[in-house]
Protein backbone atom coordinates (compact mmCIF):
# COMPACT_ATOMS: atom_id res chain seq x y z
CA MET A 1 95.55 114.34 91.70
CA LYS A 2 92.69 113.18 89.53
CA PRO A 3 89.42 113.36 91.53
CA TRP A 4 88.27 110.00 90.11
CA ILE A 5 90.88 108.20 92.24
CA MET A 6 88.58 108.75 95.22
CA ARG A 7 86.00 106.32 93.84
CA PHE A 8 88.46 103.43 94.28
CA LEU A 9 89.56 104.20 97.84
CA ASP A 10 88.23 101.92 100.58
CA CYS A 11 86.73 104.67 102.73
CA LYS A 12 83.51 104.42 104.73
CA GLU A 13 84.09 108.01 105.80
CA LEU A 14 85.98 110.39 103.54
CA ARG A 15 86.94 114.01 104.15
CA MET A 16 89.17 116.29 102.12
CA ARG A 17 91.04 119.47 102.87
CA ILE A 18 92.67 121.05 99.84
CA SER A 19 95.07 123.94 100.47
CA LYS A 20 95.93 124.55 96.81
CA TYR A 21 94.58 123.67 93.38
CA ASP A 22 96.61 123.38 90.20
CA ASN A 23 96.45 126.63 88.24
CA ILE A 24 96.06 124.90 84.87
CA SER A 25 94.09 121.68 85.46
CA GLY A 26 92.18 122.80 88.56
CA GLU A 27 93.01 119.47 90.24
CA PRO A 28 94.00 119.21 93.94
CA PHE A 29 97.69 120.11 94.21
CA SER A 30 98.30 120.04 97.97
CA GLY A 31 96.35 119.16 101.08
CA TYR A 32 95.15 115.89 102.55
CA ILE A 33 92.27 113.46 102.74
CA ILE A 34 91.04 111.58 105.80
CA CYS A 35 89.94 108.04 105.00
CA ASN A 36 88.59 105.99 107.94
CA ASN A 37 90.50 108.24 110.37
CA MET A 38 93.72 107.75 108.38
CA ARG A 39 95.34 110.83 106.85
CA TYR A 40 96.78 110.67 103.33
CA TYR A 41 98.64 113.71 101.99
CA ILE A 42 98.53 115.30 98.54
CA ARG A 43 101.87 116.80 97.57
CA ARG A 44 102.51 118.48 94.22
CA GLY A 45 99.42 116.80 92.82
CA ILE A 46 100.44 113.29 93.95
CA LEU A 47 98.33 111.34 96.43
CA ILE A 48 100.51 109.50 98.97
CA LEU A 49 98.65 106.39 100.12
CA ILE A 50 101.10 105.02 102.67
CA PRO A 51 99.63 104.29 106.12
CA PRO A 52 101.69 105.57 109.09
CA THR A 53 102.34 101.97 110.22
CA ARG A 54 104.04 101.24 106.86
CA ILE A 55 106.19 104.35 106.51
CA THR A 56 109.33 102.94 108.18
CA THR A 57 109.19 99.67 106.25
CA CYS A 58 108.50 101.40 102.95
CA ASN A 59 111.29 103.93 103.45
CA LYS A 60 113.92 101.19 103.34
CA LEU A 61 112.83 100.09 99.88
CA ARG A 62 111.96 103.61 98.77
CA GLY A 63 115.52 104.68 99.51
CA LEU A 64 116.85 102.00 97.19
CA TYR A 65 114.48 102.88 94.36
CA GLU A 66 115.01 106.62 94.79
CA ALA A 67 118.71 106.10 94.03
CA LEU A 68 117.83 104.77 90.56
CA PRO A 69 117.04 106.98 87.55
CA PRO A 70 113.27 107.61 87.23
CA ALA A 71 113.05 106.01 83.76
CA PRO A 72 116.07 103.74 83.16
CA TRP A 73 114.42 101.15 80.89
CA LYS A 74 113.74 103.07 77.69
CA ALA A 75 113.45 100.66 74.78
CA PHE A 76 114.69 103.07 72.12
CA LYS A 77 118.14 103.21 73.79
CA ASN A 78 118.78 99.47 74.11
CA GLU A 79 117.76 96.58 71.84
CA PHE A 80 117.74 94.10 74.74
CA VAL A 81 115.29 96.35 76.59
CA ARG A 82 113.26 96.66 73.38
CA HIS A 83 112.99 92.86 73.17
CA MET A 84 111.79 92.75 76.78
CA ARG A 85 109.26 95.53 76.20
CA LEU A 86 107.86 93.73 73.15
CA SER A 87 107.21 90.73 75.40
CA HIS A 88 105.59 93.00 78.00
CA LEU A 89 103.44 94.52 75.26
CA ARG A 90 102.36 91.03 74.24
CA LEU A 91 101.42 90.23 77.84
CA ILE A 92 99.32 93.40 78.18
CA LYS A 93 97.61 92.85 74.82
CA GLU A 94 96.58 89.31 75.74
CA CYS A 95 95.33 90.46 79.16
CA LEU A 96 93.22 93.12 77.48
CA SER A 97 91.73 90.55 75.11
CA PHE A 98 90.27 88.72 78.12
CA ILE A 99 88.73 91.74 79.83
CA LEU A 100 87.49 93.51 76.70
CA GLU A 101 86.06 90.52 74.84
CA LYS A 102 82.62 90.67 76.47
CA ASN A 103 82.59 94.14 77.97
CA ASN A 104 79.91 96.59 76.97
CA GLU A 105 81.58 99.58 75.36
CA SER A 106 79.54 101.89 77.60
CA LYS A 107 81.25 100.41 80.67
CA ILE A 108 84.36 102.10 82.09
CA VAL A 109 87.20 99.57 82.30
CA SER A 110 89.40 100.08 85.37
CA ILE A 111 93.08 99.09 85.28
CA LEU A 112 95.69 99.21 88.05
CA ALA A 113 99.46 98.84 87.62
CA ILE A 114 101.40 97.99 90.80
CA GLY A 115 105.09 98.83 91.14
CA CYS A 116 104.81 100.76 87.88
CA GLY A 117 107.64 103.28 88.33
CA TRP A 118 107.10 106.11 85.84
CA GLY A 119 104.26 104.16 84.19
CA TRP A 120 105.51 102.48 81.00
CA GLU A 121 102.79 99.82 81.23
CA LEU A 122 100.10 102.49 81.58
CA TRP A 123 101.19 104.19 78.36
CA ALA A 124 101.42 100.82 76.61
CA THR A 125 97.93 99.89 77.81
CA LYS A 126 96.54 103.26 76.69
CA PHE A 127 98.08 102.81 73.25
CA LEU A 128 96.66 99.28 72.88
CA ILE A 129 93.12 100.14 74.02
CA ASP A 130 93.01 103.26 71.85
CA SER A 131 94.07 101.22 68.82
CA MET A 132 91.68 98.31 69.49
CA ASN A 133 88.28 99.91 70.12
CA ASN A 134 86.35 102.76 71.72
CA HIS A 135 86.22 101.44 75.28
CA ARG A 136 86.24 103.99 78.06
CA TYR A 137 88.86 103.32 80.71
CA LEU A 138 90.70 104.59 83.78
CA LEU A 139 94.40 103.83 84.31
CA LEU A 140 95.98 104.11 87.74
CA GLY A 141 99.59 103.30 88.57
CA ILE A 142 101.16 102.99 92.01
CA ASP A 143 104.72 102.73 93.28
CA ILE A 144 106.45 103.37 96.60
CA ALA A 145 109.20 105.57 95.10
CA GLY A 146 108.41 109.23 94.58
CA LYS A 147 111.02 110.08 91.92
CA PRO A 148 109.56 107.95 89.08
CA ILE A 149 106.00 108.91 90.08
CA LYS A 150 106.87 112.63 89.80
CA TYR A 151 108.50 112.04 86.42
CA GLY A 152 105.56 109.99 85.12
CA ARG A 153 102.91 112.39 86.37
CA LYS A 154 104.71 115.29 84.70
CA LEU A 155 104.27 113.45 81.39
CA ILE A 156 100.57 112.84 82.07
CA VAL A 157 99.84 116.45 83.06
CA GLY A 158 101.91 117.82 80.18
CA ARG A 159 99.81 115.88 77.68
CA GLY A 160 96.51 116.79 79.34
CA ILE A 161 95.45 113.16 79.84
CA GLU A 162 92.38 112.91 82.07
CA ASN A 163 91.93 109.13 82.43
CA MET A 164 95.41 108.26 83.73
CA ASP A 165 97.12 109.05 87.04
CA LEU A 166 99.87 107.91 89.41
CA ALA A 167 99.97 107.65 93.20
CA ILE A 168 102.45 106.56 95.86
CA SER A 169 101.30 103.36 97.56
CA PRO A 170 102.63 99.97 98.67
CA ALA A 171 101.28 96.86 96.94
CA GLU A 172 101.24 94.73 100.11
CA LYS A 173 98.28 96.67 101.54
CA LEU A 174 96.25 98.19 98.74
CA PRO A 175 94.04 101.08 99.94
CA PHE A 176 91.30 100.25 97.43
CA LYS A 177 87.83 98.76 97.71
CA SER A 178 87.32 95.06 97.08
CA GLU A 179 86.40 94.22 93.48
CA SER A 180 87.44 97.60 92.08
CA PHE A 181 89.55 96.73 89.01
CA ASP A 182 89.05 94.70 85.84
CA LEU A 183 92.77 94.23 85.22
CA ILE A 184 95.87 94.50 87.40
CA LEU A 185 99.42 94.51 86.01
CA GLY A 186 102.65 93.79 87.88
CA ILE A 187 105.50 94.00 85.38
CA PHE A 188 109.29 93.89 85.62
CA GLY A 189 110.17 93.86 89.32
CA ALA A 190 106.79 94.65 90.84
CA LEU A 191 106.66 91.25 92.58
CA ASP A 192 110.36 90.45 92.93
CA HIS A 193 111.53 92.80 95.68
CA SER A 194 108.89 92.62 98.42
CA ARG A 195 109.44 90.42 101.46
CA ALA A 196 105.65 90.04 101.68
CA TYR A 197 105.17 88.96 98.07
CA PHE A 198 102.44 86.39 98.90
CA ARG A 199 100.42 89.15 100.57
CA ILE A 200 100.55 91.11 97.30
CA PHE A 201 98.88 88.23 95.45
CA LYS A 202 96.13 88.10 98.10
CA GLU A 203 95.59 91.85 97.90
CA VAL A 204 95.47 91.80 94.11
CA ASN A 205 92.82 89.07 94.25
CA ARG A 206 90.78 91.10 96.75
CA VAL A 207 90.64 94.28 94.66
CA LEU A 208 90.05 92.49 91.34
CA LYS A 209 86.50 92.20 90.12
CA ARG A 210 84.93 88.78 89.61
CA LYS A 211 86.76 87.07 86.73
CA GLY A 212 89.25 89.95 86.69
CA VAL A 213 92.67 89.34 85.16
CA PHE A 214 96.15 89.60 86.69
CA GLY A 215 99.08 89.91 84.28
CA PHE A 216 102.58 89.86 85.75
CA THR A 217 106.21 88.84 85.37
CA VAL A 218 108.54 87.26 87.92
CA LEU A 219 112.21 86.36 87.97
CA ASN A 220 112.81 82.66 87.30
CA LYS A 221 115.02 80.75 89.74
CA PHE A 222 115.65 78.03 87.12
CA ALA A 223 116.35 80.14 84.02
CA LEU A 224 118.11 78.07 81.37
CA ASP A 225 121.01 80.49 80.86
CA TRP A 226 121.75 80.53 84.59
CA MET A 227 121.61 76.74 84.86
CA LEU A 228 124.09 76.37 82.01
CA LYS A 229 126.38 78.94 83.62
CA VAL A 230 126.21 77.21 87.00
CA ILE A 231 126.98 73.74 85.62
CA SER A 232 130.16 74.99 83.98
CA LYS A 233 131.48 76.62 87.20
CA PRO A 234 131.79 74.26 90.19
CA LYS A 235 132.21 77.01 92.81
CA LEU A 236 129.17 78.86 91.54
CA PHE A 237 127.24 75.56 91.46
CA ILE A 238 128.02 74.91 95.14
CA LYS A 239 127.12 78.47 96.09
CA THR A 240 123.82 78.15 94.18
CA LEU A 241 122.95 74.96 96.06
CA ILE A 242 123.67 76.65 99.40
CA LYS A 243 121.58 79.70 98.51
CA ALA A 244 118.75 77.79 96.78
CA LYS A 245 116.63 77.40 99.93
CA GLU A 246 116.94 81.05 100.97
CA PRO A 247 113.86 83.05 99.91
CA PHE A 248 115.85 86.21 99.16
CA THR A 249 119.16 87.20 97.70
CA ARG A 250 120.58 90.68 97.13
CA VAL A 251 121.01 91.82 93.55
CA THR A 252 123.55 94.58 92.91
CA ILE A 253 122.44 97.21 90.37
CA PRO A 254 125.02 99.73 89.09
CA LEU A 255 123.96 103.37 88.92
CA PRO A 256 124.55 105.43 85.75
CA LYS A 257 126.52 108.11 87.62
CA GLY A 258 128.58 105.68 89.67
CA GLY A 259 127.93 103.64 92.79
CA ARG A 260 125.69 100.61 93.26
CA VAL A 261 122.39 99.71 94.86
CA ARG A 262 121.72 96.33 96.46
CA ILE A 263 118.07 95.27 96.27
CA PRO A 264 116.57 92.25 98.08
CA THR A 265 115.20 89.94 95.40
CA HIS A 266 113.05 86.82 95.38
CA TYR A 267 113.47 84.38 92.51
CA TYR A 268 110.41 82.22 91.82
CA ASN A 269 110.24 78.72 90.44
CA PRO A 270 107.36 77.53 88.20
CA ILE A 271 105.92 75.16 90.81
CA GLU A 272 105.95 77.93 93.41
CA VAL A 273 104.15 80.34 91.06
CA LYS A 274 101.38 77.81 90.42
CA LYS A 275 101.03 77.14 94.15
CA ILE A 276 100.87 80.85 95.03
CA LEU A 277 98.21 81.43 92.37
CA ARG A 278 96.10 78.55 93.69
CA LEU A 279 96.41 79.62 97.34
CA SER A 280 95.60 83.25 96.58
CA GLY A 281 92.50 82.42 94.54
CA PHE A 282 93.67 82.55 90.93
CA LYS A 283 93.39 80.23 87.96
CA LEU A 284 96.40 80.10 85.63
CA ILE A 285 95.43 80.96 82.05
CA LYS A 286 98.74 81.27 80.23
CA ALA A 287 102.50 81.37 80.80
CA PHE A 288 105.39 82.31 78.53
CA SER A 289 109.05 83.21 78.94
CA ILE A 290 111.23 86.24 78.35
CA PHE A 291 114.97 85.81 77.65
CA SER A 292 114.88 82.06 77.12
CA LEU A 293 116.83 81.79 73.84
CA LEU A 294 118.15 85.34 73.78
CA LEU A 295 120.42 85.84 76.80
CA MET A 296 119.66 88.95 78.84
CA ASN A 297 122.47 91.51 78.77
CA PHE A 298 121.37 95.09 79.47
CA LYS A 299 125.00 96.24 79.59
CA ARG A 300 125.07 96.04 75.80
CA SER A 301 122.84 98.19 73.62
CA LYS A 302 122.92 96.31 70.31
CA LEU A 303 122.05 92.77 69.24
CA ASN A 304 124.46 90.95 66.92
CA ARG A 305 123.16 88.97 63.94
CA LEU A 306 122.75 85.71 65.85
CA GLU A 307 120.99 87.47 68.73
CA LYS A 308 118.54 89.10 66.32
CA VAL A 309 117.61 85.64 65.02
CA LEU A 310 117.30 84.28 68.57
CA SER A 311 115.13 87.25 69.52
CA LYS A 312 112.66 86.49 66.72
CA LEU A 313 112.69 82.75 67.47
CA GLU A 314 112.02 83.40 71.14
CA LEU A 315 108.97 85.54 70.39
CA LEU A 316 107.62 82.64 68.29
CA LEU A 317 108.42 79.82 70.73
CA CYS A 318 108.01 81.43 74.16
CA GLU A 319 104.56 79.86 74.79
CA LYS A 320 105.54 76.32 73.74
CA PRO A 321 105.61 73.68 76.54
CA PHE A 322 109.41 73.38 76.79
CA PHE A 323 110.14 77.10 76.49
CA ARG A 324 107.47 78.74 78.65
CA TYR A 325 109.29 78.21 81.98
CA ILE A 326 112.99 78.45 81.01
CA GLY A 327 113.35 82.22 80.51
CA ARG A 328 115.01 84.68 82.86
CA TYR A 329 111.49 86.02 83.42
CA ILE A 330 108.20 84.13 83.48
CA SER A 331 105.16 86.01 82.22
CA ILE A 332 101.82 84.91 83.69
CA ILE A 333 98.19 85.64 82.87
CA ALA A 334 95.82 84.54 85.64
CA ARG A 335 92.10 85.04 86.28
CA LYS A 336 90.37 85.49 89.60
CA ALA A 337 88.71 82.16 90.34
């Protein structure tokens, strides 16, 4: 656990008891901290920021995520994933342009990634900042599943990176001080599987600094490819109409070694996203789509010639008025009002 995490915690009274330090880095490896009479444990160098009242609820989702591989979305293995990651990279780069444009280079920029898994967006952010300028920064990622956090932290420790760390924490009740972060990211599923998704937006707004930026993606209820599929199949069309008013559906995800995991999923519509942003204290800056012209198909690893053309066209047109809300995912950049 990086000691600098403590500066973000919302603790009026803070006590630590460390039973073991890492032999190489000298960082706390096991023990616990007491924050406002609440005990958070440190296990194998990972700080677990789940309040006792949330453990049962979190365990249900954690069990689902623990059944998945720790890093299943590697872009070098699948060209559809690569296309998605290029769009995510674009989102992060544009978010950074807003928070770094007027920042003094002597200031430490603080960035939080919620629902980050093993931390792809942290590595992408690190790469972009390092290539853009000499800003100092701290990168913190949180997720409720331990398996990807352990995998991601092993990469961080193995490379001796001091300004990046991962912790286990829910996004619905962030354990951080108000106005702590310049940028918060919620990419690829971070906001799609929580039954208290509106609470996440409120919490993100609370811990963002004044004029801080929130960059995120959500599943689109009215994706063009799904609408075309539904229209051509009457039974599916009727089923879609029946299910349209339900806030959650269950998406089945196959596991690499056999078996399946069913995850509760909320699909957003563009009007709903705008309303949630307004009610939670955000101003919409920009929106663009992912998988609007190129149809999402992670079961295949290669793009054919037509799909390669569509992929390039989509990256060019995804911000245009007609295209920005028709993708399978909607990417949003919002600023704290």
